[in-house]
N, C-alpha and C. Protein backbone atom coordinates (compact mmCIF):
# COMPACT_ATOMS: atom_id res chain seq x y z
N MET A 1 34.67 94.06 -16.81
CA MET A 1 35.46 92.66 -16.94
C MET A 1 34.81 91.60 -16.18
N ALA A 2 34.59 90.62 -16.47
CA ALA A 2 33.92 89.41 -15.77
C ALA A 2 35.12 88.59 -15.05
N GLN A 3 34.70 88.02 -14.01
CA GLN A 3 35.64 87.04 -13.26
C GLN A 3 34.91 85.84 -12.91
N ALA A 4 35.83 84.77 -13.03
CA ALA A 4 35.31 83.42 -12.70
C ALA A 4 36.33 82.76 -11.85
N ILE A 5 35.89 82.06 -10.62
CA ILE A 5 36.90 81.46 -9.86
C ILE A 5 36.32 80.09 -9.48
N GLU A 6 37.00 78.95 -9.70
CA GLU A 6 36.68 77.59 -9.38
C GLU A 6 37.83 76.88 -8.70
N THR A 7 37.41 75.86 -8.01
CA THR A 7 38.40 74.99 -7.21
C THR A 7 38.09 73.58 -7.48
N VAL A 8 39.08 72.67 -7.41
CA VAL A 8 38.73 71.21 -7.40
C VAL A 8 39.91 70.48 -6.71
N ASP A 9 39.65 69.50 -5.94
CA ASP A 9 40.61 68.72 -5.28
C ASP A 9 40.84 67.32 -6.25
N VAL A 10 42.03 67.14 -6.44
CA VAL A 10 42.38 65.86 -7.22
C VAL A 10 43.20 64.85 -6.43
N ASN A 11 43.08 63.66 -6.66
CA ASN A 11 43.73 62.62 -5.93
C ASN A 11 44.99 62.25 -6.54
N VAL A 12 45.89 63.10 -6.80
CA VAL A 12 47.21 62.90 -7.30
C VAL A 12 48.26 63.80 -6.59
N PRO A 13 49.48 63.45 -6.56
CA PRO A 13 50.41 64.35 -6.00
C PRO A 13 50.49 65.79 -6.75
N VAL A 14 50.96 66.75 -6.04
CA VAL A 14 50.91 68.06 -6.72
C VAL A 14 51.86 68.17 -7.99
N SER A 15 52.92 67.37 -7.92
CA SER A 15 53.85 67.47 -9.07
C SER A 15 53.07 66.79 -10.32
N VAL A 16 52.35 65.79 -10.13
CA VAL A 16 51.67 65.09 -11.27
C VAL A 16 50.44 66.14 -11.81
N ALA A 17 49.85 66.76 -11.00
CA ALA A 17 48.67 67.62 -11.35
C ALA A 17 49.49 68.85 -12.02
N TYR A 18 50.44 69.34 -11.50
CA TYR A 18 51.19 70.61 -12.23
C TYR A 18 51.79 70.06 -13.59
N ASN A 19 52.44 68.89 -13.62
CA ASN A 19 53.11 68.44 -14.75
C ASN A 19 52.01 68.24 -15.96
N GLN A 20 50.90 67.83 -15.59
CA GLN A 20 49.83 67.65 -16.66
C GLN A 20 49.31 68.94 -17.09
N TRP A 21 49.26 69.90 -16.26
CA TRP A 21 48.81 71.18 -16.64
C TRP A 21 49.67 71.91 -17.54
N THR A 22 50.94 71.62 -17.52
CA THR A 22 51.93 72.35 -18.39
C THR A 22 51.89 71.60 -19.79
N GLN A 23 51.09 70.70 -20.07
CA GLN A 23 51.09 69.96 -21.42
C GLN A 23 49.85 70.59 -22.17
N PHE A 24 50.08 71.78 -22.47
CA PHE A 24 48.96 72.65 -23.03
C PHE A 24 48.30 71.90 -24.23
N GLU A 25 49.08 71.25 -25.09
CA GLU A 25 48.57 70.65 -26.33
C GLU A 25 47.62 69.52 -25.95
N GLU A 26 47.64 68.99 -24.77
CA GLU A 26 46.85 67.88 -24.28
C GLU A 26 45.38 68.48 -23.76
N PHE A 27 45.27 69.92 -23.70
CA PHE A 27 44.00 70.23 -23.08
C PHE A 27 42.76 69.94 -23.78
N PRO A 28 42.54 69.74 -25.07
CA PRO A 28 41.49 69.33 -25.68
C PRO A 28 41.07 67.91 -25.16
N LYS A 29 41.70 67.09 -24.40
CA LYS A 29 41.34 65.88 -23.78
C LYS A 29 40.49 66.04 -22.61
N PHE A 30 40.50 67.31 -22.07
CA PHE A 30 39.69 67.52 -20.81
C PHE A 30 39.02 68.78 -20.73
N LEU A 31 39.31 69.67 -21.73
CA LEU A 31 38.66 71.00 -21.71
C LEU A 31 37.62 71.09 -22.88
N ASP A 32 36.38 71.01 -22.49
CA ASP A 32 35.32 70.94 -23.51
C ASP A 32 35.36 71.90 -24.65
N GLU A 33 35.68 73.00 -24.41
CA GLU A 33 35.54 74.15 -25.44
C GLU A 33 36.80 74.31 -26.30
N VAL A 34 37.93 73.59 -25.92
CA VAL A 34 39.27 73.63 -26.58
C VAL A 34 39.16 72.72 -27.54
N GLU A 35 39.43 73.26 -28.90
CA GLU A 35 39.51 72.46 -30.07
C GLU A 35 40.91 71.97 -30.24
N SER A 36 41.76 72.94 -30.02
CA SER A 36 43.25 72.70 -30.31
C SER A 36 44.14 73.82 -29.55
N ILE A 37 45.42 73.46 -29.21
CA ILE A 37 46.37 74.42 -28.79
C ILE A 37 47.64 74.00 -29.37
N THR A 38 48.38 75.01 -29.94
CA THR A 38 49.69 74.72 -30.50
C THR A 38 50.74 75.47 -29.56
N GLN A 39 51.67 74.80 -29.11
CA GLN A 39 52.70 75.41 -28.35
C GLN A 39 53.72 76.02 -29.29
N GLU A 40 53.74 77.35 -29.45
CA GLU A 40 54.56 78.06 -30.34
C GLU A 40 55.96 78.21 -29.74
N SER A 41 56.17 78.43 -28.52
CA SER A 41 57.43 78.48 -27.74
C SER A 41 57.17 78.25 -26.11
N ASP A 42 58.26 78.26 -25.47
CA ASP A 42 58.09 78.00 -23.95
C ASP A 42 56.93 78.74 -23.28
N THR A 43 56.72 80.04 -23.91
CA THR A 43 55.78 80.85 -23.28
C THR A 43 54.59 81.32 -24.07
N LEU A 44 54.54 80.82 -25.35
CA LEU A 44 53.46 81.31 -26.32
C LEU A 44 52.68 80.13 -26.83
N THR A 45 51.35 80.20 -26.65
CA THR A 45 50.45 79.09 -27.22
C THR A 45 49.41 79.85 -28.11
N HIS A 46 48.98 79.03 -29.13
CA HIS A 46 47.98 79.49 -30.04
C HIS A 46 46.63 78.66 -29.70
N TRP A 47 45.67 79.22 -29.40
CA TRP A 47 44.37 78.41 -29.15
C TRP A 47 43.27 78.61 -30.15
N THR A 48 42.43 77.43 -30.30
CA THR A 48 41.26 77.45 -31.01
C THR A 48 40.15 76.85 -30.06
N VAL A 49 39.31 77.80 -29.77
CA VAL A 49 38.13 77.29 -28.93
C VAL A 49 36.78 77.47 -29.66
N LYS A 50 35.84 76.57 -29.16
CA LYS A 50 34.56 76.53 -29.83
C LYS A 50 33.42 76.60 -28.68
N VAL A 51 32.70 77.59 -28.65
CA VAL A 51 31.54 77.61 -27.62
C VAL A 51 30.25 77.70 -28.39
N GLY A 52 29.57 76.57 -28.38
CA GLY A 52 28.27 76.50 -29.31
C GLY A 52 28.81 76.44 -30.66
N PRO A 53 28.11 77.32 -31.53
CA PRO A 53 28.60 77.31 -32.99
C PRO A 53 29.66 78.29 -33.17
N VAL A 54 30.09 78.99 -32.28
CA VAL A 54 31.17 80.09 -32.37
C VAL A 54 32.48 79.72 -32.24
N GLU A 55 33.45 79.62 -33.20
CA GLU A 55 34.77 79.32 -33.02
C GLU A 55 35.74 80.65 -32.99
N LYS A 56 36.66 80.61 -31.99
CA LYS A 56 37.55 81.83 -31.78
C LYS A 56 38.88 81.24 -31.83
N HIS A 57 39.70 82.27 -32.15
CA HIS A 57 41.27 82.04 -32.12
C HIS A 57 41.91 83.11 -31.41
N PHE A 58 42.94 82.75 -30.64
CA PHE A 58 43.80 83.64 -29.87
C PHE A 58 45.16 83.10 -29.45
N ASP A 59 45.94 83.97 -29.05
CA ASP A 59 47.31 83.60 -28.59
C ASP A 59 47.18 83.96 -27.01
N ALA A 60 48.02 83.15 -26.22
CA ALA A 60 48.21 83.44 -24.89
C ALA A 60 49.61 83.26 -24.48
N THR A 61 50.19 84.20 -23.85
CA THR A 61 51.40 84.28 -23.33
C THR A 61 51.53 83.81 -21.87
N ILE A 62 52.28 82.96 -21.46
CA ILE A 62 52.56 82.57 -20.12
C ILE A 62 53.36 83.59 -19.51
N THR A 63 52.88 84.27 -18.43
CA THR A 63 53.53 85.43 -17.84
C THR A 63 54.21 85.14 -16.53
N GLU A 64 53.80 83.97 -16.02
CA GLU A 64 54.55 83.64 -14.72
C GLU A 64 54.23 82.08 -14.59
N GLN A 65 55.31 81.34 -14.21
CA GLN A 65 55.14 79.81 -14.08
C GLN A 65 56.15 79.45 -12.99
N HIS A 66 55.75 78.66 -11.99
CA HIS A 66 56.55 78.27 -10.93
C HIS A 66 56.20 76.80 -10.72
N PRO A 67 57.12 75.78 -10.80
CA PRO A 67 56.69 74.44 -10.74
C PRO A 67 56.10 74.04 -9.38
N ASP A 68 54.96 73.37 -9.55
CA ASP A 68 54.19 72.86 -8.43
C ASP A 68 53.45 74.15 -7.63
N GLU A 69 53.48 75.31 -8.22
CA GLU A 69 52.87 76.37 -7.48
C GLU A 69 51.87 77.14 -8.38
N ARG A 70 52.19 77.62 -9.53
CA ARG A 70 51.27 78.52 -10.41
C ARG A 70 51.63 78.49 -11.74
N VAL A 71 50.61 78.92 -12.59
CA VAL A 71 50.84 79.23 -13.90
C VAL A 71 49.81 80.33 -14.32
N ALA A 72 50.33 81.44 -14.77
CA ALA A 72 49.49 82.61 -15.12
C ALA A 72 49.78 82.93 -16.53
N TRP A 73 48.78 83.50 -17.20
CA TRP A 73 48.78 83.85 -18.60
C TRP A 73 47.83 85.06 -18.99
N ASN A 74 48.08 85.67 -20.15
CA ASN A 74 47.23 86.62 -20.71
C ASN A 74 47.07 86.25 -22.11
N SER A 75 45.83 86.59 -22.69
CA SER A 75 45.75 86.57 -24.01
C SER A 75 46.41 87.76 -24.78
N THR A 76 47.03 87.51 -25.93
CA THR A 76 47.93 88.47 -26.46
C THR A 76 47.50 88.97 -27.88
N GLY A 77 46.48 88.33 -28.35
CA GLY A 77 46.00 88.68 -29.72
C GLY A 77 44.92 87.71 -30.12
N GLY A 78 44.05 88.12 -30.89
CA GLY A 78 42.91 87.34 -31.45
C GLY A 78 41.61 87.83 -30.85
N GLU A 79 40.70 86.77 -30.80
CA GLU A 79 39.27 87.08 -30.58
C GLU A 79 38.78 86.87 -29.16
N VAL A 80 39.81 86.65 -28.26
CA VAL A 80 39.42 86.49 -26.76
C VAL A 80 40.33 87.50 -25.96
N ASP A 81 39.69 88.22 -24.99
CA ASP A 81 40.50 89.15 -24.09
C ASP A 81 40.30 88.57 -22.85
N HIS A 82 41.39 87.91 -22.19
CA HIS A 82 41.44 87.37 -20.85
C HIS A 82 42.68 87.22 -20.15
N ALA A 83 42.75 87.03 -19.02
CA ALA A 83 44.00 86.71 -18.30
C ALA A 83 43.50 85.64 -17.09
N GLY A 84 44.44 84.85 -16.80
CA GLY A 84 44.12 83.74 -15.79
C GLY A 84 45.28 83.39 -15.06
N VAL A 85 44.98 82.58 -13.95
CA VAL A 85 46.06 81.95 -13.15
C VAL A 85 45.47 80.64 -12.62
N ILE A 86 46.29 79.62 -12.49
CA ILE A 86 45.94 78.44 -11.75
C ILE A 86 47.04 78.19 -10.73
N THR A 87 46.56 77.92 -9.50
CA THR A 87 47.52 77.72 -8.44
C THR A 87 47.25 76.17 -7.91
N PHE A 88 48.39 75.58 -7.41
CA PHE A 88 48.30 74.22 -7.06
C PHE A 88 48.72 74.18 -5.58
N HIS A 89 47.92 73.57 -4.77
CA HIS A 89 48.13 73.52 -3.30
C HIS A 89 48.10 72.10 -2.91
N LYS A 90 49.32 71.70 -2.24
CA LYS A 90 49.50 70.38 -1.73
C LYS A 90 48.75 70.26 -0.51
N LEU A 91 47.69 69.37 -0.49
CA LEU A 91 46.84 68.94 0.63
C LEU A 91 47.47 67.81 1.44
N SER A 92 48.07 66.93 0.68
CA SER A 92 48.79 65.68 1.26
C SER A 92 49.76 65.23 0.27
N ASP A 93 50.47 64.21 0.50
CA ASP A 93 51.30 63.48 -0.48
C ASP A 93 50.53 63.12 -1.71
N THR A 94 49.34 62.76 -1.70
CA THR A 94 48.49 62.22 -2.68
C THR A 94 47.24 63.07 -3.13
N GLU A 95 47.17 64.23 -2.57
CA GLU A 95 46.03 65.05 -2.93
C GLU A 95 46.34 66.52 -3.17
N THR A 96 45.89 67.15 -4.15
CA THR A 96 46.19 68.55 -4.57
C THR A 96 44.90 69.35 -4.86
N ARG A 97 44.89 70.53 -4.34
CA ARG A 97 43.82 71.48 -4.72
C ARG A 97 44.24 72.36 -5.87
N LEU A 98 43.47 72.55 -6.80
CA LEU A 98 43.75 73.49 -8.03
C LEU A 98 42.75 74.58 -7.86
N THR A 99 43.05 75.70 -8.02
CA THR A 99 42.20 77.01 -8.05
C THR A 99 42.52 77.81 -9.37
N VAL A 100 41.41 77.94 -10.10
CA VAL A 100 41.49 78.81 -11.42
C VAL A 100 40.74 80.07 -11.13
N GLN A 101 41.36 81.15 -11.53
CA GLN A 101 40.76 82.43 -11.73
C GLN A 101 41.04 82.98 -13.11
N ILE A 102 39.96 83.33 -13.77
CA ILE A 102 39.90 83.92 -14.99
C ILE A 102 39.22 85.18 -15.14
N ASP A 103 39.88 86.28 -15.54
CA ASP A 103 39.20 87.52 -15.85
C ASP A 103 39.12 87.72 -17.29
N TRP A 104 37.94 88.02 -17.75
CA TRP A 104 37.75 88.03 -19.14
C TRP A 104 36.61 89.16 -19.64
N GLN A 105 36.80 89.61 -20.83
CA GLN A 105 35.96 90.60 -21.22
C GLN A 105 34.94 89.99 -22.17
N PRO A 106 33.61 89.86 -21.68
CA PRO A 106 32.64 89.32 -22.62
C PRO A 106 32.33 90.36 -23.68
N THR A 107 32.06 89.83 -24.94
CA THR A 107 31.82 90.66 -26.07
C THR A 107 30.48 90.08 -26.67
N GLY A 108 29.67 90.88 -27.07
CA GLY A 108 28.35 90.57 -27.68
C GLY A 108 27.39 90.19 -26.67
N PHE A 109 26.09 90.22 -27.00
CA PHE A 109 24.98 89.96 -26.14
C PHE A 109 25.04 88.71 -25.48
N LEU A 110 25.27 87.64 -26.18
CA LEU A 110 25.18 86.22 -25.63
C LEU A 110 26.34 86.00 -24.55
N GLU A 111 27.57 86.60 -24.84
CA GLU A 111 28.56 86.44 -23.83
C GLU A 111 28.19 87.15 -22.60
N LYS A 112 27.67 88.28 -22.73
CA LYS A 112 27.35 89.23 -21.61
C LYS A 112 26.33 88.49 -20.60
N ILE A 113 25.24 87.93 -21.29
CA ILE A 113 24.27 87.29 -20.71
C ILE A 113 24.72 86.04 -19.94
N GLY A 114 25.55 85.31 -20.67
CA GLY A 114 26.17 84.18 -20.09
C GLY A 114 27.01 84.37 -18.96
N SER A 115 27.79 85.45 -18.90
CA SER A 115 28.54 85.86 -17.82
C SER A 115 27.54 86.27 -16.63
N THR A 116 26.64 87.02 -16.94
CA THR A 116 25.74 87.39 -15.88
C THR A 116 25.10 86.19 -15.19
N LEU A 117 24.71 85.23 -15.99
CA LEU A 117 24.05 83.98 -15.41
C LEU A 117 25.05 82.97 -14.87
N GLY A 118 26.31 83.20 -14.85
CA GLY A 118 27.40 82.31 -14.29
C GLY A 118 27.75 81.16 -15.26
N ALA A 119 27.59 81.20 -16.49
CA ALA A 119 27.94 80.31 -17.42
C ALA A 119 29.49 80.11 -17.48
N ASP A 120 30.27 81.06 -17.28
CA ASP A 120 31.63 81.10 -17.21
C ASP A 120 32.09 80.08 -16.11
N ASN A 121 31.50 80.41 -14.77
CA ASN A 121 32.04 79.56 -13.57
C ASN A 121 31.50 78.05 -13.93
N HIS A 122 30.47 77.90 -14.49
CA HIS A 122 29.91 76.50 -14.66
C HIS A 122 30.78 75.90 -15.67
N ALA A 123 31.21 76.47 -16.70
CA ALA A 123 32.20 75.96 -17.60
C ALA A 123 33.49 75.53 -17.04
N ILE A 124 33.92 76.36 -16.33
CA ILE A 124 35.39 76.13 -15.61
C ILE A 124 35.25 75.05 -14.52
N LYS A 125 34.07 75.00 -13.77
CA LYS A 125 33.85 73.97 -12.97
C LYS A 125 33.80 72.58 -13.53
N LYS A 126 33.09 72.49 -14.82
CA LYS A 126 33.02 71.29 -15.47
C LYS A 126 34.37 70.99 -16.08
N ASP A 127 35.13 71.91 -16.50
CA ASP A 127 36.45 71.60 -17.14
C ASP A 127 37.38 71.06 -15.98
N LEU A 128 37.42 71.71 -14.85
CA LEU A 128 38.22 71.13 -13.76
C LEU A 128 37.80 69.73 -13.33
N GLN A 129 36.41 69.51 -13.41
CA GLN A 129 36.03 68.06 -13.09
C GLN A 129 36.58 67.18 -14.10
N ASN A 130 36.41 67.64 -15.39
CA ASN A 130 37.12 66.68 -16.48
C ASN A 130 38.59 66.54 -16.36
N PHE A 131 39.33 67.50 -15.76
CA PHE A 131 40.73 67.39 -15.55
C PHE A 131 40.91 66.38 -14.37
N LYS A 132 40.11 66.53 -13.34
CA LYS A 132 40.26 65.55 -12.23
C LYS A 132 39.96 64.14 -12.71
N GLU A 133 39.02 63.91 -13.40
CA GLU A 133 38.73 62.47 -14.03
C GLU A 133 39.91 62.08 -14.87
N TYR A 134 40.39 62.91 -15.65
CA TYR A 134 41.52 62.61 -16.76
C TYR A 134 42.78 62.17 -15.91
N ILE A 135 43.22 63.09 -14.86
CA ILE A 135 44.44 62.82 -14.19
C ILE A 135 44.33 61.64 -13.32
N GLU A 136 43.24 61.62 -12.66
CA GLU A 136 43.14 60.49 -11.67
C GLU A 136 43.10 59.13 -12.49
N SER A 137 42.47 59.14 -13.63
CA SER A 137 42.48 57.79 -14.30
C SER A 137 43.81 57.52 -14.95
N GLN A 138 44.51 58.58 -15.22
CA GLN A 138 45.88 58.29 -15.93
C GLN A 138 46.93 57.87 -14.64
N GLY A 139 46.84 58.64 -13.61
CA GLY A 139 47.66 58.51 -12.42
C GLY A 139 49.08 59.01 -12.67
N THR A 140 49.34 59.32 -13.84
CA THR A 140 50.66 60.07 -14.23
C THR A 140 50.39 61.18 -15.22
N ALA A 141 51.30 62.12 -15.39
CA ALA A 141 51.13 63.15 -16.45
C ALA A 141 51.70 62.64 -17.68
N ASP A 142 51.14 63.28 -18.78
CA ASP A 142 51.45 62.98 -20.13
C ASP A 142 52.79 63.57 -20.48
N GLY A 143 53.41 64.36 -19.63
CA GLY A 143 54.71 65.02 -19.84
C GLY A 143 54.97 66.06 -18.73
N ALA A 144 55.97 66.88 -18.80
CA ALA A 144 56.23 67.85 -17.86
C ALA A 144 57.08 68.93 -18.45
N TRP A 145 56.78 70.15 -18.02
CA TRP A 145 57.82 71.33 -18.24
C TRP A 145 57.92 71.98 -16.90
N ARG A 146 59.14 71.95 -16.50
CA ARG A 146 59.34 72.45 -15.04
C ARG A 146 60.19 73.67 -14.91
N ASP A 147 60.47 74.42 -16.05
CA ASP A 147 61.24 75.61 -16.00
C ASP A 147 60.32 76.62 -15.33
N ASP A 148 61.00 77.73 -14.80
CA ASP A 148 60.40 78.84 -14.16
C ASP A 148 60.28 80.06 -15.15
N VAL A 149 59.19 80.68 -15.14
CA VAL A 149 58.92 81.85 -15.89
C VAL A 149 58.60 82.97 -14.86
N ARG A 150 59.37 84.08 -14.85
CA ARG A 150 59.30 85.07 -13.83
C ARG A 150 58.42 86.22 -14.50
N ALA A 151 57.54 86.85 -13.74
CA ALA A 151 56.69 88.04 -14.28
C ALA A 151 57.64 89.26 -14.40
């Protein structure tokens, strides 16, 4: 299993960063490989991602979610096997640190080579930078979901 961990500091309050991250259907606005996400229920999402010419589909279940602290998930079906967590750390009233950890199972030659060369970390770092630019330019979140999901 491969693992990627990346961090970014954003110049918005922790509640704004967290609220935006709970708007899964908005992810294509800042996550390069995400084509679409459909929120099926409070804890189930369906993803379509495209890396290069390869399109993959999978479901992900939110396994843990605590407002302004963390969101954790597992893929539950489809063509991608992974689990992840994002944590939100208040640095000040106007600055937040986000840390993403994704554990995933590369399949096929290209994914295994990409993982070995750090392509996964590079992609996550770029997506976090995109998120930073998006949320800082907005200043507010597109919406919010602040319920608690316990593991």
